[in-house]
Amino acid sequence: MDLNHIKISTESENSLKNGASEIVSLIRPDWGSKTKFIHKIFSDGLTNKLVGVYIQGQKSKMILVRVYGLNSDLMIDREKEIQNMKLLHKHGCGSELYATFENGIAYEYLSGTPLTVASVRDPSVFPKVATAIAKMHCIKPPGALYPNMHCIQPCIWTLLRKFQKLSPEGFPD
């Protein structure tokens, strides 16, 4: 769903919640009045603002609304990010993208537990991580499905050089 006519203000928590509610009401009109929406603000991000929106009794169906941080597009190619999200979801490796809007995206919440240094070493966990990574690495280049991705090649060094040029003195703690 393309909602590029909508821009969410991040000036206050209320404006963020109101904008997220507007997006979600268009994605899930069956959820009824926006006054029923419950919001969860995620605060771990560095530049983006992330709000989860759901209704009572349906937290597992939460929709995440990410508002891009100021100038974060200098580091992240948003078109490629969206194409990658669609491709990964198609292969069972990521969230479904529900909508794009002027300064962000809305997508499916997948419940889980963040990995820690300790948990990733756990013998019951690291084989699952390896399996998930192997599944992602088996995904074939998209070809005709995503015509803008005609020239797929490794990009880690290009991205690292780009980051370095954006902040030659490094990033603050």
N, C-alpha and C. Protein backbone atom coordinates (compact mmCIF):
# COMPACT_ATOMS: atom_id res chain seq x y z
N MET A 1 0.85 -1.16 0.00
CA MET A 1 0.00 0.00 0.00
C MET A 1 0.91 1.24 0.00
N ASP A 2 0.66 2.11 -0.93
CA ASP A 2 1.45 3.33 -1.05
C ASP A 2 0.69 4.49 -0.42
N LEU A 3 1.24 5.02 0.67
CA LEU A 3 0.61 6.13 1.38
C LEU A 3 1.55 7.32 1.39
N ASN A 4 2.20 7.58 0.26
CA ASN A 4 3.22 8.62 0.20
C ASN A 4 2.69 10.03 0.43
N HIS A 5 1.38 10.17 0.52
CA HIS A 5 0.79 11.48 0.84
C HIS A 5 0.78 11.75 2.35
N ILE A 6 1.19 10.74 3.13
CA ILE A 6 1.18 10.88 4.59
C ILE A 6 2.61 11.03 5.10
N LYS A 7 2.82 12.02 5.96
CA LYS A 7 4.10 12.22 6.62
C LYS A 7 3.84 12.30 8.12
N ILE A 8 4.58 11.52 8.89
CA ILE A 8 4.40 11.50 10.34
C ILE A 8 5.40 12.44 11.00
N SER A 9 4.90 13.27 11.86
CA SER A 9 5.75 14.18 12.63
C SER A 9 6.30 13.44 13.84
N THR A 10 7.58 13.69 14.13
CA THR A 10 8.21 13.08 15.30
C THR A 10 8.49 14.11 16.39
N GLU A 11 7.84 15.27 16.29
CA GLU A 11 8.07 16.35 17.25
C GLU A 11 7.69 15.97 18.67
N SER A 12 6.70 15.12 18.83
CA SER A 12 6.28 14.69 20.16
C SER A 12 5.82 13.25 20.10
N GLU A 13 5.72 12.63 21.27
CA GLU A 13 5.23 11.26 21.32
C GLU A 13 3.78 11.19 20.82
N ASN A 14 2.98 12.22 21.13
CA ASN A 14 1.59 12.24 20.67
C ASN A 14 1.49 12.32 19.15
N SER A 15 2.32 13.17 18.54
CA SER A 15 2.26 13.29 17.08
C SER A 15 2.72 11.98 16.42
N LEU A 16 3.67 11.31 17.04
CA LEU A 16 4.14 10.02 16.54
C LEU A 16 3.03 8.97 16.64
N LYS A 17 2.37 8.92 17.79
CA LYS A 17 1.27 7.97 17.98
C LYS A 17 0.11 8.27 17.04
N ASN A 18 -0.24 9.55 16.88
CA ASN A 18 -1.34 9.92 15.99
C ASN A 18 -1.04 9.55 14.55
N GLY A 19 0.18 9.81 14.10
CA GLY A 19 0.57 9.45 12.74
C GLY A 19 0.55 7.95 12.53
N ALA A 20 1.07 7.20 13.51
CA ALA A 20 1.06 5.74 13.42
C ALA A 20 -0.37 5.22 13.37
N SER A 21 -1.24 5.82 14.17
CA SER A 21 -2.66 5.42 14.17
C SER A 21 -3.31 5.66 12.82
N GLU A 22 -2.98 6.79 12.20
CA GLU A 22 -3.54 7.09 10.88
C GLU A 22 -3.14 6.02 9.87
N ILE A 23 -1.86 5.66 9.87
CA ILE A 23 -1.36 4.63 8.95
C ILE A 23 -2.06 3.30 9.21
N VAL A 24 -2.09 2.88 10.47
CA VAL A 24 -2.66 1.58 10.82
C VAL A 24 -4.16 1.53 10.53
N SER A 25 -4.87 2.64 10.72
CA SER A 25 -6.31 2.64 10.44
C SER A 25 -6.58 2.39 8.95
N LEU A 26 -5.64 2.76 8.10
CA LEU A 26 -5.79 2.50 6.66
C LEU A 26 -5.42 1.06 6.31
N ILE A 27 -4.48 0.50 7.06
CA ILE A 27 -4.06 -0.88 6.81
C ILE A 27 -5.08 -1.86 7.39
N ARG A 28 -5.61 -1.55 8.57
CA ARG A 28 -6.55 -2.42 9.27
C ARG A 28 -7.84 -1.68 9.61
N PRO A 29 -8.65 -1.33 8.60
CA PRO A 29 -9.90 -0.62 8.91
C PRO A 29 -10.84 -1.46 9.77
N ASP A 30 -10.69 -2.79 9.73
CA ASP A 30 -11.54 -3.67 10.53
C ASP A 30 -11.24 -3.58 12.02
N TRP A 31 -10.16 -2.93 12.41
CA TRP A 31 -9.85 -2.75 13.83
C TRP A 31 -10.72 -1.66 14.46
N GLY A 32 -11.46 -0.95 13.67
CA GLY A 32 -12.38 0.03 14.21
C GLY A 32 -11.72 1.35 14.56
N SER A 33 -12.28 2.02 15.52
CA SER A 33 -11.86 3.37 15.90
C SER A 33 -10.41 3.41 16.37
N LYS A 34 -9.72 4.48 15.97
CA LYS A 34 -8.33 4.69 16.39
C LYS A 34 -8.23 4.84 17.91
N THR A 35 -9.33 5.18 18.55
CA THR A 35 -9.30 5.33 20.02
C THR A 35 -9.09 3.98 20.72
N LYS A 36 -9.33 2.88 20.00
CA LYS A 36 -9.11 1.54 20.56
C LYS A 36 -7.65 1.09 20.43
N PHE A 37 -6.86 1.83 19.68
CA PHE A 37 -5.48 1.40 19.41
C PHE A 37 -4.62 1.54 20.66
N ILE A 38 -3.78 0.56 20.85
CA ILE A 38 -2.79 0.57 21.92
C ILE A 38 -1.43 0.77 21.26
N HIS A 39 -0.61 1.63 21.85
CA HIS A 39 0.69 1.97 21.27
C HIS A 39 1.82 1.50 22.16
N LYS A 40 2.85 0.97 21.54
CA LYS A 40 4.08 0.63 22.25
C LYS A 40 5.22 1.36 21.55
N ILE A 41 5.88 2.24 22.28
CA ILE A 41 7.02 2.97 21.73
C ILE A 41 8.27 2.16 22.00
N PHE A 42 9.01 1.84 20.94
CA PHE A 42 10.28 1.13 21.08
C PHE A 42 11.38 2.20 21.11
N SER A 43 12.29 2.08 22.05
CA SER A 43 13.26 3.16 22.24
C SER A 43 14.71 2.75 21.99
N ASP A 44 14.94 1.59 21.41
CA ASP A 44 16.31 1.12 21.21
C ASP A 44 16.98 1.67 19.96
N GLY A 45 16.24 2.24 19.04
CA GLY A 45 16.80 2.71 17.78
C GLY A 45 17.69 3.94 17.95
N LEU A 46 18.60 4.12 17.02
CA LEU A 46 19.51 5.26 17.06
C LEU A 46 18.93 6.48 16.37
N THR A 47 18.34 6.30 15.19
CA THR A 47 17.82 7.44 14.44
C THR A 47 16.33 7.33 14.17
N ASN A 48 15.86 6.14 13.84
CA ASN A 48 14.45 5.94 13.52
C ASN A 48 13.59 6.00 14.77
N LYS A 49 12.32 6.27 14.56
CA LYS A 49 11.31 6.16 15.62
C LYS A 49 10.44 4.96 15.26
N LEU A 50 10.17 4.12 16.25
CA LEU A 50 9.41 2.89 16.01
C LEU A 50 8.26 2.79 16.99
N VAL A 51 7.05 2.61 16.44
CA VAL A 51 5.84 2.49 17.24
C VAL A 51 5.12 1.21 16.84
N GLY A 52 4.75 0.42 17.83
CA GLY A 52 3.90 -0.74 17.59
C GLY A 52 2.47 -0.35 17.88
N VAL A 53 1.56 -0.76 17.02
CA VAL A 53 0.13 -0.45 17.20
C VAL A 53 -0.65 -1.75 17.12
N TYR A 54 -1.53 -1.95 18.10
CA TYR A 54 -2.37 -3.14 18.12
C TYR A 54 -3.66 -2.82 18.88
N ILE A 55 -4.57 -3.80 18.91
CA ILE A 55 -5.80 -3.62 19.67
C ILE A 55 -5.85 -4.68 20.77
N GLN A 56 -6.65 -4.40 21.78
CA GLN A 56 -6.77 -5.28 22.94
C GLN A 56 -6.95 -6.74 22.51
N GLY A 57 -6.16 -7.61 23.11
CA GLY A 57 -6.27 -9.05 22.83
C GLY A 57 -5.59 -9.51 21.55
N GLN A 58 -4.98 -8.59 20.81
CA GLN A 58 -4.34 -8.98 19.55
C GLN A 58 -2.91 -8.43 19.44
N LYS A 59 -2.18 -8.49 20.54
CA LYS A 59 -0.81 -7.97 20.52
C LYS A 59 0.05 -8.70 19.50
N SER A 60 -0.23 -9.97 19.26
CA SER A 60 0.57 -10.74 18.29
C SER A 60 0.35 -10.25 16.86
N LYS A 61 -0.71 -9.46 16.63
CA LYS A 61 -0.97 -8.92 15.29
C LYS A 61 -0.54 -7.45 15.19
N MET A 62 0.33 -7.04 16.10
CA MET A 62 0.84 -5.67 16.13
C MET A 62 1.43 -5.30 14.77
N ILE A 63 1.24 -4.04 14.42
CA ILE A 63 1.86 -3.47 13.22
C ILE A 63 2.92 -2.49 13.68
N LEU A 64 4.11 -2.63 13.13
CA LEU A 64 5.20 -1.71 13.46
C LEU A 64 5.21 -0.58 12.44
N VAL A 65 5.30 0.63 12.95
CA VAL A 65 5.37 1.82 12.09
C VAL A 65 6.73 2.46 12.38
N ARG A 66 7.58 2.45 11.36
CA ARG A 66 8.92 3.03 11.51
C ARG A 66 8.98 4.35 10.76
N VAL A 67 9.33 5.40 11.49
CA VAL A 67 9.53 6.71 10.89
C VAL A 67 11.04 6.91 10.77
N TYR A 68 11.48 7.16 9.56
CA TYR A 68 12.91 7.29 9.31
C TYR A 68 13.51 8.47 10.05
N GLY A 69 14.72 8.28 10.54
CA GLY A 69 15.45 9.35 11.19
C GLY A 69 15.93 10.39 10.18
N LEU A 70 16.14 11.60 10.66
CA LEU A 70 16.59 12.70 9.81
C LEU A 70 17.90 12.35 9.13
N ASN A 71 17.92 12.45 7.83
CA ASN A 71 19.09 12.20 6.97
C ASN A 71 19.59 10.75 7.01
N SER A 72 18.82 9.83 7.56
CA SER A 72 19.25 8.43 7.58
C SER A 72 19.31 7.85 6.17
N ASP A 73 18.60 8.49 5.23
CA ASP A 73 18.65 8.03 3.83
C ASP A 73 20.02 8.28 3.20
N LEU A 74 20.87 9.06 3.86
CA LEU A 74 22.23 9.24 3.36
C LEU A 74 23.04 7.95 3.52
N MET A 75 22.65 7.14 4.50
CA MET A 75 23.36 5.88 4.74
C MET A 75 22.61 4.67 4.19
N ILE A 76 21.30 4.77 4.12
CA ILE A 76 20.48 3.61 3.76
C ILE A 76 19.71 3.90 2.48
N ASP A 77 19.85 3.01 1.52
CA ASP A 77 19.09 3.10 0.27
C ASP A 77 17.70 2.53 0.56
N ARG A 78 16.72 3.41 0.75
CA ARG A 78 15.38 2.99 1.16
C ARG A 78 14.70 2.12 0.10
N GLU A 79 14.93 2.38 -1.18
CA GLU A 79 14.33 1.55 -2.23
C GLU A 79 14.85 0.11 -2.12
N LYS A 80 16.15 -0.04 -1.93
CA LYS A 80 16.72 -1.38 -1.79
C LYS A 80 16.24 -2.06 -0.51
N GLU A 81 16.12 -1.27 0.56
CA GLU A 81 15.63 -1.82 1.82
C GLU A 81 14.23 -2.42 1.63
N ILE A 82 13.38 -1.71 0.94
CA ILE A 82 12.01 -2.18 0.69
C ILE A 82 12.02 -3.42 -0.21
N GLN A 83 12.84 -3.40 -1.26
CA GLN A 83 12.94 -4.56 -2.14
C GLN A 83 13.44 -5.78 -1.36
N ASN A 84 14.43 -5.57 -0.50
CA ASN A 84 14.96 -6.68 0.30
C ASN A 84 13.93 -7.21 1.27
N MET A 85 13.15 -6.32 1.90
CA MET A 85 12.10 -6.78 2.82
C MET A 85 11.09 -7.65 2.08
N LYS A 86 10.68 -7.23 0.91
CA LYS A 86 9.71 -8.00 0.13
C LYS A 86 10.29 -9.37 -0.27
N LEU A 87 11.52 -9.37 -0.69
CA LEU A 87 12.18 -10.61 -1.11
C LEU A 87 12.34 -11.57 0.07
N LEU A 88 12.81 -11.06 1.20
CA LEU A 88 12.99 -11.92 2.38
C LEU A 88 11.65 -12.47 2.87
N HIS A 89 10.61 -11.63 2.87
CA HIS A 89 9.29 -12.11 3.29
C HIS A 89 8.78 -13.20 2.36
N LYS A 90 8.97 -13.01 1.08
CA LYS A 90 8.52 -14.00 0.08
C LYS A 90 9.12 -15.37 0.36
N HIS A 91 10.31 -15.39 0.93
CA HIS A 91 11.01 -16.65 1.19
C HIS A 91 10.93 -17.07 2.66
N GLY A 92 10.03 -16.44 3.42
CA GLY A 92 9.83 -16.83 4.80
C GLY A 92 10.93 -16.41 5.75
N CYS A 93 11.63 -15.33 5.41
CA CYS A 93 12.77 -14.88 6.23
C CYS A 93 12.57 -13.49 6.81
N GLY A 94 11.38 -12.96 6.78
CA GLY A 94 11.21 -11.61 7.30
C GLY A 94 9.77 -11.18 7.35
N SER A 95 9.58 -9.99 7.87
CA SER A 95 8.25 -9.40 8.04
C SER A 95 7.61 -9.03 6.72
N GLU A 96 6.28 -9.06 6.71
CA GLU A 96 5.54 -8.56 5.55
C GLU A 96 5.50 -7.03 5.61
N LEU A 97 5.79 -6.41 4.49
CA LEU A 97 5.70 -4.96 4.38
C LEU A 97 4.26 -4.62 4.04
N TYR A 98 3.60 -3.84 4.90
CA TYR A 98 2.20 -3.48 4.68
C TYR A 98 2.05 -2.18 3.90
N ALA A 99 2.90 -1.21 4.19
CA ALA A 99 2.72 0.10 3.55
C ALA A 99 4.01 0.90 3.61
N THR A 100 4.12 1.80 2.65
CA THR A 100 5.17 2.81 2.68
C THR A 100 4.45 4.16 2.76
N PHE A 101 5.09 5.10 3.44
CA PHE A 101 4.55 6.46 3.49
C PHE A 101 5.73 7.41 3.32
N GLU A 102 5.45 8.70 3.27
CA GLU A 102 6.49 9.66 2.89
C GLU A 102 7.79 9.51 3.67
N ASN A 103 7.70 9.31 4.97
CA ASN A 103 8.93 9.23 5.75
C ASN A 103 9.03 7.95 6.58
N GLY A 104 8.53 6.84 6.00
CA GLY A 104 8.68 5.58 6.72
C GLY A 104 7.94 4.41 6.11
N ILE A 105 7.87 3.35 6.90
CA ILE A 105 7.22 2.12 6.46
C ILE A 105 6.41 1.53 7.62
N ALA A 106 5.45 0.66 7.27
CA ALA A 106 4.67 -0.09 8.24
C ALA A 106 4.79 -1.56 7.87
N TYR A 107 5.07 -2.39 8.87
CA TYR A 107 5.30 -3.79 8.58
C TYR A 107 4.89 -4.69 9.74
N GLU A 108 4.88 -5.97 9.45
CA GLU A 108 4.45 -7.00 10.38
C GLU A 108 5.42 -7.14 11.56
N TYR A 109 4.84 -7.29 12.74
CA TYR A 109 5.62 -7.57 13.94
C TYR A 109 5.83 -9.08 14.03
N LEU A 110 7.06 -9.49 14.22
CA LEU A 110 7.37 -10.90 14.45
C LEU A 110 7.90 -11.01 15.87
N SER A 111 7.22 -11.80 16.69
CA SER A 111 7.66 -11.90 18.08
C SER A 111 8.92 -12.75 18.16
N GLY A 112 9.69 -12.50 19.17
CA GLY A 112 10.92 -13.25 19.38
C GLY A 112 11.70 -12.64 20.52
N THR A 113 12.89 -13.15 20.69
CA THR A 113 13.77 -12.67 21.74
C THR A 113 15.07 -12.22 21.10
N PRO A 114 15.51 -11.01 21.37
CA PRO A 114 16.78 -10.55 20.80
C PRO A 114 17.94 -11.44 21.27
N LEU A 115 18.87 -11.69 20.37
CA LEU A 115 20.04 -12.48 20.74
C LEU A 115 20.98 -11.64 21.58
N THR A 116 21.63 -12.30 22.50
CA THR A 116 22.66 -11.67 23.32
C THR A 116 23.96 -12.45 23.10
N VAL A 117 25.06 -11.94 23.62
CA VAL A 117 26.33 -12.66 23.51
C VAL A 117 26.19 -14.04 24.14
N ALA A 118 25.50 -14.12 25.27
CA ALA A 118 25.32 -15.41 25.95
C ALA A 118 24.40 -16.34 25.16
N SER A 119 23.26 -15.83 24.69
CA SER A 119 22.30 -16.72 24.02
C SER A 119 22.81 -17.24 22.68
N VAL A 120 23.59 -16.43 21.98
CA VAL A 120 24.07 -16.88 20.67
C VAL A 120 25.10 -18.01 20.81
N ARG A 121 25.66 -18.16 22.00
CA ARG A 121 26.60 -19.26 22.27
C ARG A 121 25.90 -20.52 22.75
N ASP A 122 24.63 -20.40 23.07
CA ASP A 122 23.86 -21.52 23.61
C ASP A 122 23.73 -22.61 22.54
N PRO A 123 24.10 -23.86 22.88
CA PRO A 123 24.02 -24.95 21.89
C PRO A 123 22.62 -25.19 21.33
N SER A 124 21.59 -24.74 22.03
CA SER A 124 20.23 -24.91 21.49
C SER A 124 19.84 -23.74 20.58
N VAL A 125 20.65 -22.68 20.57
CA VAL A 125 20.32 -21.49 19.79
C VAL A 125 21.18 -21.36 18.53
N PHE A 126 22.50 -21.49 18.64
CA PHE A 126 23.34 -21.16 17.48
C PHE A 126 23.08 -22.03 16.25
N PRO A 127 22.66 -23.29 16.37
CA PRO A 127 22.32 -24.02 15.14
C PRO A 127 21.10 -23.41 14.42
N LYS A 128 20.16 -22.86 15.22
CA LYS A 128 18.99 -22.22 14.62
C LYS A 128 19.38 -20.94 13.88
N VAL A 129 20.33 -20.20 14.45
CA VAL A 129 20.84 -18.99 13.79
C VAL A 129 21.52 -19.38 12.48
N ALA A 130 22.36 -20.41 12.53
CA ALA A 130 23.06 -20.87 11.32
C ALA A 130 22.08 -21.33 10.25
N THR A 131 21.02 -22.01 10.66
CA THR A 131 20.01 -22.47 9.71
C THR A 131 19.30 -21.29 9.05
N ALA A 132 18.96 -20.28 9.86
CA ALA A 132 18.29 -19.09 9.31
C ALA A 132 19.20 -18.35 8.34
N ILE A 133 20.47 -18.22 8.68
CA ILE A 133 21.42 -17.54 7.78
C ILE A 133 21.59 -18.33 6.49
N ALA A 134 21.68 -19.66 6.61
CA ALA A 134 21.82 -20.50 5.41
C ALA A 134 20.59 -20.36 4.52
N LYS A 135 19.41 -20.30 5.12
CA LYS A 135 18.17 -20.13 4.34
C LYS A 135 18.21 -18.82 3.55
N MET A 136 18.66 -17.75 4.22
CA MET A 136 18.75 -16.45 3.53
C MET A 136 19.77 -16.49 2.40
N HIS A 137 20.88 -17.17 2.62
CA HIS A 137 21.92 -17.22 1.60
C HIS A 137 21.55 -18.12 0.42
N CYS A 138 20.50 -18.92 0.57
CA CYS A 138 20.04 -19.76 -0.54
C CYS A 138 19.03 -19.05 -1.44
N ILE A 139 18.61 -17.87 -1.06
CA ILE A 139 17.63 -17.14 -1.87
C ILE A 139 18.30 -16.72 -3.18
N LYS A 140 17.67 -17.06 -4.27
CA LYS A 140 18.19 -16.73 -5.59
C LYS A 140 17.95 -15.26 -5.91
N PRO A 141 18.84 -14.66 -6.71
CA PRO A 141 18.61 -13.26 -7.13
C PRO A 141 17.23 -13.13 -7.77
N PRO A 142 16.56 -12.01 -7.52
CA PRO A 142 15.16 -11.87 -7.89
C PRO A 142 14.85 -11.76 -9.38
N GLY A 143 15.80 -11.38 -10.21
CA GLY A 143 15.53 -11.30 -11.65
C GLY A 143 14.35 -10.43 -11.99
N ALA A 144 13.40 -10.98 -12.73
CA ALA A 144 12.27 -10.21 -13.24
C ALA A 144 11.31 -9.74 -12.14
N LEU A 145 11.32 -10.41 -10.99
CA LEU A 145 10.42 -10.03 -9.91
C LEU A 145 10.67 -8.60 -9.44
N TYR A 146 11.95 -8.20 -9.38
CA TYR A 146 12.33 -6.86 -8.95
C TYR A 146 13.24 -6.26 -10.01
N PRO A 147 12.67 -5.63 -11.04
CA PRO A 147 13.47 -5.15 -12.17
C PRO A 147 14.56 -4.14 -11.78
N ASN A 148 14.39 -3.43 -10.66
CA ASN A 148 15.42 -2.46 -10.26
C ASN A 148 16.63 -3.13 -9.62
N MET A 149 16.55 -4.42 -9.39
CA MET A 149 17.66 -5.13 -8.76
C MET A 149 18.40 -5.98 -9.79
N HIS A 150 18.60 -5.43 -10.96
CA HIS A 150 19.21 -6.17 -12.06
C HIS A 150 20.69 -6.40 -11.87
N CYS A 151 21.33 -5.63 -11.06
CA CYS A 151 22.78 -5.73 -10.90
C CYS A 151 23.09 -6.02 -9.43
N ILE A 152 22.94 -7.28 -9.05
CA ILE A 152 23.16 -7.65 -7.66
C ILE A 152 24.61 -8.04 -7.47
N GLN A 153 25.23 -7.43 -6.48
CA GLN A 153 26.61 -7.76 -6.17
C GLN A 153 26.87 -7.46 -4.70
N PRO A 154 27.92 -8.05 -4.14
CA PRO A 154 28.24 -7.78 -2.73
C PRO A 154 28.46 -6.27 -2.53
N CYS A 155 27.98 -5.78 -1.40
CA CYS A 155 28.05 -4.33 -1.20
C CYS A 155 28.66 -3.91 0.14
N ILE A 156 29.14 -4.86 0.95
CA ILE A 156 29.58 -4.50 2.29
C ILE A 156 30.69 -3.46 2.28
N TRP A 157 31.67 -3.61 1.39
CA TRP A 157 32.80 -2.66 1.38
C TRP A 157 32.36 -1.30 0.85
N THR A 158 31.49 -1.28 -0.12
CA THR A 158 30.95 -0.02 -0.64
C THR A 158 30.20 0.72 0.46
N LEU A 159 29.38 -0.01 1.21
CA LEU A 159 28.63 0.61 2.30
C LEU A 159 29.54 1.13 3.41
N LEU A 160 30.54 0.35 3.77
CA LEU A 160 31.47 0.80 4.81
C LEU A 160 32.22 2.06 4.39
N ARG A 161 32.63 2.13 3.12
CA ARG A 161 33.30 3.35 2.63
C ARG A 161 32.34 4.54 2.65
N LYS A 162 31.08 4.29 2.30
CA LYS A 162 30.06 5.34 2.32
C LYS A 162 29.88 5.87 3.75
N PHE A 163 29.79 4.97 4.73
CA PHE A 163 29.65 5.37 6.13
C PHE A 163 30.86 6.19 6.56
N GLN A 164 32.04 5.75 6.15
CA GLN A 164 33.26 6.45 6.55
C GLN A 164 33.30 7.87 5.97
N LYS A 165 32.85 8.03 4.73
CA LYS A 165 32.82 9.36 4.12
C LYS A 165 31.82 10.28 4.82
N LEU A 166 30.70 9.69 5.28
CA LEU A 166 29.68 10.49 5.97
C LEU A 166 30.15 10.96 7.34
N SER A 167 31.02 10.20 7.94
CA SER A 167 31.51 10.57 9.28
C SER A 167 32.98 10.19 9.40
N PRO A 168 33.87 10.96 8.78
CA PRO A 168 35.29 10.61 8.79
C PRO A 168 35.91 10.59 10.17
N GLU A 169 35.31 11.30 11.10
CA GLU A 169 35.82 11.32 12.48
C GLU A 169 35.21 10.22 13.33
N GLY A 170 34.35 9.39 12.75
CA GLY A 170 33.70 8.34 13.50
C GLY A 170 32.35 8.77 14.01
N PHE A 171 31.65 7.86 14.63
CA PHE A 171 30.33 8.13 15.17
C PHE A 171 30.44 8.33 16.67
N PRO A 172 29.69 9.28 17.22
CA PRO A 172 29.73 9.49 18.67
C PRO A 172 29.19 8.25 19.39
N ASP A 173 29.62 8.07 20.61
CA ASP A 173 29.15 6.92 21.39
C ASP A 173 27.64 6.91 21.52
